[in-house]
């Protein structure tokens, strides 16, 4: 067994890590540059800002719901490394469209590129997890999964900060450059030939239904997928709420929103590393219940910090002024702890997806998870937008939805921990 950080010196892992890191960075650089541009330069009401944030989140997620089944079939049927390189070439073309949208401040072109990046991530997602058990020993899977998760959220941090701070014209060139570098990294990923040959079903609705039905009857997978889906619904709700929350509740500039998203991202990365150390390579949900309940406690405190925020007038607060306030430190601490406990919760669940079935079926398992996740996230984005438009319910009041979702996650995690002790062998999808 090689230690988790030791994997970073291995060709069987490092190019994969760099490729997925740059992809996540580009997603968030582009998405946040677009959202912050719309929030601060186009719209001038909390309703419009929340609506656009929800629409942007929803259309990015929608391709996961539509195309994940096909993505999983392709990943299990062909060399995963070759598919990654094709996907990264497509990213370059998508970012050319996106950069034109940013350069000319054209929201329609930006939204087209955002849909394209959603499709790109849909086909890349199953592969980045499925290739891990193919290239690594069983006792390295949790460490590799944790590093991929940590890297993803560090990339989200960097992309989020860059999207909020750099000029639109610079962002237009940056997204193309990052896509090109990502393609070069993908060229170094070792071959990962298919372990099975499938007859592809190109009917996305039929194949999605069959894949979900084939996966969700396996108890451990069902519980892990439901728990992960609830977690990502939490993340989607927070992503929708952050921009209008920062502007209209915390009365702060967009760079503070970047700090919020950045702290949330790096916190999940820290949680990913912590849980790997605690579990020492064991795939287990034994810390999941405590992690997500602790997350709920910090979400409650975050709500009250927003409810009694002391500044509501004058110029928008800059980051320095926000941090100078004791109340600001309370908010940032709550966000960091929400993210750290969230990372500790979700990483072992992804390891369940890749160890519960045969290695030849891991991509389809991750794809089934992505379909359910995306459906839950779209529902969460739409639901939170509808809730914030109910008279008398403010953006800060909607945070209680996150508390309820944490409790639901804790129940799923408890059921999964009970199920993991039952004797089992790797399941086979029908």
Protein backbone atom coordinates (compact mmCIF):
# COMPACT_ATOMS: atom_id res chain seq x y z
CA UNK A 1 0.00 0.00 0.00
CA UNK A 2 1.26 3.50 -0.89
CA UNK A 3 0.14 6.35 1.37
CA UNK A 4 -2.52 8.66 -0.04
CA UNK A 5 -0.08 11.53 -0.65
CA UNK A 6 2.46 9.05 -2.02
CA UNK A 7 0.06 8.40 -4.88
CA UNK A 8 0.86 11.91 -6.13
CA UNK A 9 4.25 10.60 -7.29
CA UNK A 10 2.70 7.78 -9.31
CA UNK A 11 1.95 8.09 -13.02
CA UNK A 12 -1.11 5.88 -12.48
CA UNK A 13 -2.60 8.70 -10.38
CA UNK A 14 -0.91 12.11 -10.86
CA UNK A 15 -2.02 12.81 -14.49
CA UNK A 16 -5.59 11.85 -13.54
CA UNK A 17 -5.43 14.18 -10.55
CA UNK A 18 -4.11 17.09 -12.64
CA UNK A 19 -6.66 16.50 -15.41
CA UNK A 20 -9.66 16.48 -13.08
CA UNK A 21 -8.23 19.40 -11.07
CA UNK A 22 -7.97 21.62 -14.15
CA UNK A 23 -11.43 20.58 -15.34
CA UNK A 24 -13.03 21.52 -12.02
CA UNK A 25 -11.03 24.76 -11.95
CA UNK A 26 -12.24 25.74 -15.42
CA UNK A 27 -15.87 24.88 -14.62
CA UNK A 28 -15.86 27.21 -11.64
CA UNK A 29 -13.75 29.95 -13.16
CA UNK A 30 -16.22 30.21 -16.00
CA UNK A 31 -19.42 29.67 -13.99
CA UNK A 32 -18.60 32.13 -11.24
CA UNK A 33 -17.30 34.80 -13.62
CA UNK A 34 -20.66 34.56 -15.36
CA UNK A 35 -22.81 34.53 -12.20
CA UNK A 36 -20.97 37.41 -10.53
CA UNK A 37 -21.09 39.43 -13.75
CA UNK A 38 -24.87 38.97 -13.92
CA UNK A 39 -25.45 39.56 -10.19
CA UNK A 40 -23.45 42.77 -9.91
CA UNK A 41 -23.64 44.31 -13.40
CA UNK A 42 -26.97 43.25 -14.93
CA UNK A 43 -29.58 42.50 -12.25
CA UNK A 44 -30.65 44.78 -9.44
CA UNK A 45 -33.08 42.76 -7.31
CA UNK A 46 -32.72 39.78 -5.03
CA UNK A 47 -35.46 37.93 -6.92
CA UNK A 48 -33.71 38.27 -10.30
CA UNK A 49 -30.32 37.41 -8.80
CA UNK A 50 -31.61 34.29 -7.06
CA UNK A 51 -33.51 33.28 -10.21
CA UNK A 52 -30.45 33.59 -12.45
CA UNK A 53 -28.25 31.79 -9.93
CA UNK A 54 -30.79 28.95 -9.77
CA UNK A 55 -31.13 28.81 -13.58
CA UNK A 56 -27.35 28.70 -14.06
CA UNK A 57 -26.99 25.96 -11.45
CA UNK A 58 -29.90 24.00 -12.92
CA UNK A 59 -28.77 24.05 -16.56
CA UNK A 60 -25.24 23.03 -15.57
CA UNK A 61 -26.63 20.04 -13.66
CA UNK A 62 -29.30 19.00 -16.21
CA UNK A 63 -26.88 17.12 -18.55
CA UNK A 64 -25.91 14.86 -15.63
CA UNK A 65 -29.53 13.79 -15.41
CA UNK A 66 -29.91 13.22 -19.15
CA UNK A 67 -26.59 11.70 -20.25
CA UNK A 68 -25.02 9.97 -17.23
CA UNK A 69 -26.30 6.51 -18.22
CA UNK A 70 -24.70 6.79 -21.66
CA UNK A 71 -21.51 8.15 -20.07
CA UNK A 72 -21.32 5.15 -17.73
CA UNK A 73 -21.82 2.67 -20.58
CA UNK A 74 -19.09 4.30 -22.65
CA UNK A 75 -16.66 4.41 -19.72
CA UNK A 76 -17.12 0.71 -18.98
CA UNK A 77 -16.93 -0.29 -22.67
CA UNK A 78 -13.88 1.62 -23.94
CA UNK A 79 -10.44 2.63 -22.74
CA UNK A 80 -11.07 5.23 -20.05
CA UNK A 81 -7.85 7.13 -20.74
CA UNK A 82 -8.74 7.57 -24.43
CA UNK A 83 -12.23 8.80 -23.55
CA UNK A 84 -10.72 11.36 -21.17
CA UNK A 85 -8.56 12.77 -23.94
CA UNK A 86 -11.56 13.10 -26.28
CA UNK A 87 -13.51 14.87 -23.53
CA UNK A 88 -10.67 17.32 -22.92
CA UNK A 89 -10.49 18.18 -26.63
CA UNK A 90 -14.21 18.94 -26.50
CA UNK A 91 -13.58 21.21 -23.51
CA UNK A 92 -11.31 23.41 -25.64
CA UNK A 93 -14.14 23.98 -28.15
CA UNK A 94 -16.68 24.66 -25.39
CA UNK A 95 -14.40 27.22 -23.79
CA UNK A 96 -13.93 29.01 -27.11
CA UNK A 97 -17.70 29.62 -27.08
CA UNK A 98 -17.64 30.55 -23.39
CA UNK A 99 -14.74 32.95 -23.83
CA UNK A 100 -16.61 34.71 -26.63
CA UNK A 101 -19.59 35.09 -24.29
CA UNK A 102 -17.40 36.55 -21.53
CA UNK A 103 -15.44 38.81 -23.90
CA UNK A 104 -18.57 40.28 -25.46
CA UNK A 105 -20.61 40.10 -22.21
CA UNK A 106 -23.22 37.99 -23.96
CA UNK A 107 -25.25 35.96 -21.44
CA UNK A 108 -26.78 33.72 -24.13
CA UNK A 109 -23.36 32.51 -25.31
CA UNK A 110 -22.27 32.06 -21.69
CA UNK A 111 -25.29 29.87 -20.97
CA UNK A 112 -24.64 27.77 -24.09
CA UNK A 113 -21.08 27.17 -22.91
CA UNK A 114 -22.32 26.39 -19.40
CA UNK A 115 -24.55 23.65 -20.82
CA UNK A 116 -21.54 22.38 -22.78
CA UNK A 117 -19.44 22.24 -19.63
CA UNK A 118 -22.24 20.35 -17.93
CA UNK A 119 -22.13 17.76 -20.73
CA UNK A 120 -18.32 17.65 -20.48
CA UNK A 121 -18.46 17.00 -16.74
CA UNK A 122 -21.22 14.41 -17.20
CA UNK A 123 -18.99 12.22 -19.37
CA UNK A 124 -15.86 12.86 -17.30
CA UNK A 125 -17.43 12.17 -13.88
CA UNK A 126 -17.93 8.38 -14.05
CA UNK A 127 -14.44 7.86 -15.45
CA UNK A 128 -12.52 9.77 -12.79
CA UNK A 129 -13.92 7.52 -10.06
CA UNK A 130 -14.09 4.27 -12.06
CA UNK A 131 -10.44 4.43 -13.12
CA UNK A 132 -9.24 4.57 -9.49
CA UNK A 133 -9.97 0.92 -8.55
CA UNK A 134 -8.61 -0.17 -11.93
CA UNK A 135 -5.22 1.48 -11.36
CA UNK A 136 -4.92 1.04 -7.59
CA UNK A 137 -4.91 -1.65 -4.93
CA UNK A 138 -8.02 -2.17 -2.82
CA UNK A 139 -6.45 -0.49 0.22
CA UNK A 140 -5.54 2.56 -1.90
CA UNK A 141 -9.05 3.24 -3.23
CA UNK A 142 -10.20 5.36 -0.27
CA UNK A 143 -6.98 7.40 -0.33
CA UNK A 144 -7.21 7.96 -4.08
CA UNK A 145 -10.89 8.89 -3.85
CA UNK A 146 -10.14 11.29 -1.00
CA UNK A 147 -7.38 13.00 -2.97
CA UNK A 148 -9.63 13.35 -6.03
CA UNK A 149 -12.34 14.90 -3.84
CA UNK A 150 -9.83 17.16 -2.08
CA UNK A 151 -8.30 18.20 -5.40
CA UNK A 152 -11.73 18.90 -6.85
CA UNK A 153 -12.58 21.27 -4.04
CA UNK A 154 -9.21 23.00 -4.03
CA UNK A 155 -9.80 23.52 -7.77
CA UNK A 156 -13.27 24.87 -7.00
CA UNK A 157 -11.66 27.24 -4.49
CA UNK A 158 -9.13 28.51 -7.01
CA UNK A 159 -11.68 28.77 -9.83
CA UNK A 160 -14.19 30.50 -7.57
CA UNK A 161 -11.69 33.09 -6.39
CA UNK A 162 -10.41 33.67 -9.91
CA UNK A 163 -13.95 33.96 -11.28
CA UNK A 164 -14.76 36.66 -8.75
CA UNK A 165 -11.54 38.65 -8.94
CA UNK A 166 -10.12 38.68 -12.47
CA UNK A 167 -11.46 40.86 -15.25
CA UNK A 168 -13.93 39.40 -17.77
CA UNK A 169 -11.45 39.84 -20.65
CA UNK A 170 -8.69 37.98 -18.80
CA UNK A 171 -11.14 35.21 -17.86
CA UNK A 172 -12.06 34.84 -21.54
CA UNK A 173 -8.46 33.90 -22.41
CA UNK A 174 -7.78 31.97 -19.19
CA UNK A 175 -10.53 29.37 -19.71
CA UNK A 176 -9.08 28.44 -23.12
CA UNK A 177 -5.55 28.14 -21.76
CA UNK A 178 -6.62 25.94 -18.86
CA UNK A 179 -8.54 23.65 -21.23
CA UNK A 180 -5.44 23.19 -23.41
CA UNK A 181 -3.23 22.37 -20.41
CA UNK A 182 -5.87 19.88 -19.23
CA UNK A 183 -5.70 18.08 -22.56
CA UNK A 184 -1.90 17.78 -22.28
CA UNK A 185 -2.27 16.31 -18.76
CA UNK A 186 -4.85 13.78 -19.96
CA UNK A 187 -2.38 12.53 -22.59
CA UNK A 188 -0.20 11.20 -19.74
CA UNK A 189 -2.88 9.01 -18.13
CA UNK A 190 -1.92 5.31 -18.48
CA UNK A 191 -4.24 3.07 -20.52
CA UNK A 192 -7.31 1.72 -18.72
CA UNK A 193 -8.76 -0.86 -21.13
CA UNK A 194 -12.35 -2.00 -20.73
CA UNK A 195 -13.08 -5.01 -18.54
CA UNK A 196 -16.36 -5.73 -20.31
CA UNK A 197 -17.93 -5.00 -23.70
CA UNK A 198 -21.46 -3.64 -23.59
CA UNK A 199 -24.09 -3.14 -26.25
CA UNK A 200 -24.70 0.58 -25.91
CA UNK A 201 -28.26 1.83 -25.42
CA UNK A 202 -28.49 5.31 -26.95
CA UNK A 203 -32.04 5.89 -25.69
CA UNK A 204 -31.09 8.16 -22.78
CA UNK A 205 -34.41 7.80 -20.96
CA UNK A 206 -34.64 4.01 -21.22
CA UNK A 207 -30.98 3.49 -20.36
CA UNK A 208 -31.23 5.86 -17.39
CA UNK A 209 -34.26 4.04 -16.02
CA UNK A 210 -32.66 0.62 -16.48
CA UNK A 211 -29.40 1.72 -14.88
CA UNK A 212 -31.08 3.23 -11.84
CA UNK A 213 -33.34 0.18 -11.43
CA UNK A 214 -30.36 -2.16 -11.70
CA UNK A 215 -28.33 -0.20 -9.16
CA UNK A 216 -30.81 0.88 -6.52
CA UNK A 217 -31.90 -2.66 -5.63
CA UNK A 218 -28.47 -3.21 -4.00
CA UNK A 219 -28.99 -2.00 -0.43
CA UNK A 220 -25.52 -0.60 0.21
CA UNK A 221 -25.53 1.25 -3.12
CA UNK A 222 -29.06 2.53 -2.59
CA UNK A 223 -28.23 4.01 0.82
CA UNK A 224 -24.90 5.46 -0.33
CA UNK A 225 -26.47 7.06 -3.41
CA UNK A 226 -29.37 8.54 -1.45
CA UNK A 227 -26.99 9.95 1.17
CA UNK A 228 -24.69 11.43 -1.49
CA UNK A 229 -27.68 12.90 -3.32
CA UNK A 230 -28.94 14.64 -0.19
CA UNK A 231 -25.44 16.01 0.42
CA UNK A 232 -25.21 17.44 -3.12
CA UNK A 233 -28.68 18.91 -2.75
CA UNK A 234 -27.29 20.78 0.26
CA UNK A 235 -24.36 21.98 -1.85
CA UNK A 236 -26.71 23.09 -4.65
CA UNK A 237 -28.95 24.99 -2.24
CA UNK A 238 -25.97 26.78 -0.71
CA UNK A 239 -24.55 27.61 -4.17
CA UNK A 240 -27.89 29.23 -5.12
CA UNK A 241 -28.13 31.14 -1.84
CA UNK A 242 -24.57 32.43 -1.51
CA UNK A 243 -24.54 35.28 -4.11
CA UNK A 244 -27.87 36.90 -3.02
CA UNK A 245 -27.09 36.13 0.64
CA UNK A 246 -23.76 37.94 0.47
CA UNK A 247 -25.17 40.95 -1.37
CA UNK A 248 -28.54 41.38 0.35
CA UNK A 249 -28.06 39.93 3.86
CA UNK A 250 -24.37 40.42 4.60
CA UNK A 251 -24.33 43.62 2.52
CA UNK A 252 -20.99 42.72 0.97
CA UNK A 253 -19.26 42.88 -2.39
CA UNK A 254 -18.84 39.94 -4.76
CA UNK A 255 -15.29 39.23 -3.54
CA UNK A 256 -16.84 38.20 -0.20
CA UNK A 257 -19.06 35.74 -2.10
CA UNK A 258 -15.84 34.34 -3.61
CA UNK A 259 -14.42 33.97 -0.09
CA UNK A 260 -17.60 32.14 1.01
CA UNK A 261 -17.44 29.65 -1.86
CA UNK A 262 -13.68 29.32 -1.48
CA UNK A 263 -13.84 28.51 2.24
CA UNK A 264 -16.59 25.99 1.56
CA UNK A 265 -14.47 24.33 -1.11
CA UNK A 266 -11.21 24.14 0.83
CA UNK A 267 -13.11 22.97 3.92
CA UNK A 268 -14.44 19.94 2.04
CA UNK A 269 -10.89 19.24 0.87
CA UNK A 270 -9.66 19.33 4.48
CA UNK A 271 -12.50 17.05 5.55
CA UNK A 272 -11.59 14.61 2.79
CA UNK A 273 -8.03 14.33 4.09
CA UNK A 274 -9.11 14.07 7.75
CA UNK A 275 -11.55 11.20 7.13
CA UNK A 276 -8.94 9.28 5.13
CA UNK A 277 -6.56 9.54 8.09
CA UNK A 278 -9.24 8.45 10.55
CA UNK A 279 -10.37 5.45 8.49
CA UNK A 280 -6.80 4.43 7.49
CA UNK A 281 -7.91 3.05 4.13
CA UNK A 282 -11.03 1.29 5.45
CA UNK A 283 -14.23 1.92 3.47
CA UNK A 284 -16.73 2.61 6.25
CA UNK A 285 -19.56 4.99 7.17
CA UNK A 286 -18.85 4.79 10.90
CA UNK A 287 -18.05 8.52 11.18
CA UNK A 288 -20.72 9.68 8.74
CA UNK A 289 -23.62 10.18 11.17
CA UNK A 290 -21.57 12.24 13.62
CA UNK A 291 -20.08 14.28 10.76
CA UNK A 292 -23.38 15.31 9.21
CA UNK A 293 -25.06 16.02 12.56
CA UNK A 294 -22.14 18.30 13.45
CA UNK A 295 -22.67 19.91 10.05
CA UNK A 296 -26.31 20.62 10.99
CA UNK A 297 -25.22 22.35 14.21
CA UNK A 298 -22.94 24.74 12.33
CA UNK A 299 -25.64 25.40 9.71
CA UNK A 300 -28.00 26.47 12.51
CA UNK A 301 -25.38 28.86 13.89
CA UNK A 302 -24.76 30.20 10.38
CA UNK A 303 -28.49 30.97 10.10
CA UNK A 304 -28.50 32.98 13.31
CA UNK A 305 -25.32 34.78 12.30
CA UNK A 306 -27.11 35.88 9.12
CA UNK A 307 -30.33 36.72 10.93
CA UNK A 308 -28.61 39.11 13.34
CA UNK A 309 -26.04 40.51 10.96
CA UNK A 310 -25.22 44.06 12.13
CA UNK A 311 -24.68 45.86 8.79
CA UNK A 312 -27.50 46.66 6.36
CA UNK A 313 -26.76 50.18 5.08
CA UNK A 314 -24.01 52.12 3.34
CA UNK A 315 -21.52 50.88 0.73
CA UNK A 316 -21.13 47.14 0.23
CA UNK A 317 -18.50 45.70 2.58
CA UNK A 318 -15.17 44.75 1.06
CA UNK A 319 -13.42 41.58 2.18
CA UNK A 320 -11.08 43.45 4.57
CA UNK A 321 -14.01 45.20 6.26
CA UNK A 322 -15.99 41.96 6.48
CA UNK A 323 -13.09 40.09 8.09
CA UNK A 324 -12.44 42.98 10.50
CA UNK A 325 -15.85 42.37 12.08
CA UNK A 326 -16.17 39.76 14.90
CA UNK A 327 -19.47 38.69 13.34
CA UNK A 328 -17.64 38.11 10.08
CA UNK A 329 -15.25 35.65 11.72
CA UNK A 330 -18.21 33.79 13.17
CA UNK A 331 -19.72 33.42 9.69
CA UNK A 332 -16.44 32.24 8.16
CA UNK A 333 -15.84 29.75 10.98
CA UNK A 334 -19.33 28.31 10.55
CA UNK A 335 -18.79 27.95 6.80
CA UNK A 336 -15.43 26.24 7.30
CA UNK A 337 -16.87 23.74 9.78
CA UNK A 338 -19.91 23.05 7.59
CA UNK A 339 -17.53 22.20 4.74
CA UNK A 340 -15.05 20.15 6.81
CA UNK A 341 -17.78 17.99 8.33
CA UNK A 342 -19.38 17.70 4.88
CA UNK A 343 -16.13 16.41 3.39
CA UNK A 344 -15.79 13.88 6.20
CA UNK A 345 -19.31 12.72 5.43
CA UNK A 346 -19.25 12.34 1.65
CA UNK A 347 -15.82 10.88 0.76
CA UNK A 348 -16.36 7.37 2.24
CA UNK A 349 -19.71 7.21 0.45
CA UNK A 350 -18.01 7.57 -2.93
CA UNK A 351 -15.64 4.77 -1.96
CA UNK A 352 -18.72 2.57 -1.39
CA UNK A 353 -19.73 3.15 -5.02
CA UNK A 354 -16.44 1.81 -6.37
CA UNK A 355 -16.03 -1.15 -4.00
CA UNK A 356 -19.57 -2.52 -3.78
CA UNK A 357 -19.68 -3.79 -7.39
CA UNK A 358 -17.21 -5.50 -9.73
CA UNK A 359 -14.52 -3.23 -11.22
CA UNK A 360 -16.00 -3.71 -14.69
CA UNK A 361 -19.18 -1.96 -13.50
CA UNK A 362 -17.86 0.95 -11.47
CA UNK A 363 -18.40 3.60 -14.16
CA UNK A 364 -22.06 2.63 -14.56
CA UNK A 365 -22.47 2.66 -10.78
CA UNK A 366 -21.03 6.17 -10.55
CA UNK A 367 -23.22 7.17 -13.51
CA UNK A 368 -26.35 5.92 -11.72
CA UNK A 369 -25.27 7.92 -8.70
CA UNK A 370 -24.80 11.02 -10.90
CA UNK A 371 -28.31 10.67 -12.35
CA UNK A 372 -29.91 10.54 -8.91
CA UNK A 373 -27.58 13.29 -7.61
CA UNK A 374 -28.39 15.61 -10.49
CA UNK A 375 -32.12 15.07 -10.18
CA UNK A 376 -31.89 15.90 -6.47
CA UNK A 377 -29.74 18.98 -7.14
CA UNK A 378 -32.08 20.33 -9.82
CA UNK A 379 -35.02 19.78 -7.48
CA UNK A 380 -33.11 21.54 -4.71
CA UNK A 381 -32.20 24.50 -6.92
CA UNK A 382 -35.77 24.92 -8.18
CA UNK A 383 -37.24 24.33 -4.74
CA UNK A 384 -35.04 26.89 -2.99
CA UNK A 385 -35.81 29.46 -5.68
CA UNK A 386 -39.55 28.87 -5.21
CA UNK A 387 -39.21 29.06 -1.44
CA UNK A 388 -37.35 32.38 -1.48
CA UNK A 389 -40.16 33.85 -3.60
CA UNK A 390 -42.79 33.07 -0.94
CA UNK A 391 -43.80 36.34 0.77
CA UNK A 392 -42.28 36.67 4.23
CA UNK A 393 -39.48 34.12 3.66
CA UNK A 394 -36.03 35.69 3.35
CA UNK A 395 -32.85 34.22 1.95
CA UNK A 396 -31.55 33.61 5.49
CA UNK A 397 -34.76 31.72 6.41
CA UNK A 398 -34.16 29.28 3.55
CA UNK A 399 -31.05 28.04 5.37
CA UNK A 400 -33.39 25.90 7.53
CA UNK A 401 -33.87 23.70 4.47
CA UNK A 402 -30.20 22.76 4.74
CA UNK A 403 -30.69 21.76 8.40
CA UNK A 404 -33.54 19.44 7.42
CA UNK A 405 -31.41 17.89 4.66
CA UNK A 406 -28.57 17.28 7.13
CA UNK A 407 -30.92 15.32 9.37
CA UNK A 408 -32.12 13.27 6.39
CA UNK A 409 -28.48 12.56 5.48
CA UNK A 410 -27.75 11.39 9.02
CA UNK A 411 -30.57 8.85 8.83
CA UNK A 412 -29.29 7.48 5.50
CA UNK A 413 -25.75 7.28 6.85
CA UNK A 414 -26.93 5.41 9.95
CA UNK A 415 -28.76 2.87 7.76
CA UNK A 416 -25.66 2.47 5.59
CA UNK A 417 -23.43 1.89 8.62
CA UNK A 418 -25.80 -0.85 9.75
CA UNK A 419 -25.81 -2.44 6.28
CA UNK A 420 -22.03 -2.45 5.91
CA UNK A 421 -21.68 -5.01 8.72
CA UNK A 422 -23.82 -7.55 6.86
CA UNK A 423 -21.78 -10.21 4.97
CA UNK A 424 -21.45 -9.36 1.29
CA UNK A 425 -19.41 -9.88 -1.84
CA UNK A 426 -19.10 -7.37 -4.71
CA UNK A 427 -22.50 -7.17 -6.35
CA UNK A 428 -23.12 -7.57 -10.07
CA UNK A 429 -25.40 -5.27 -12.00
CA UNK A 430 -28.03 -7.12 -14.00
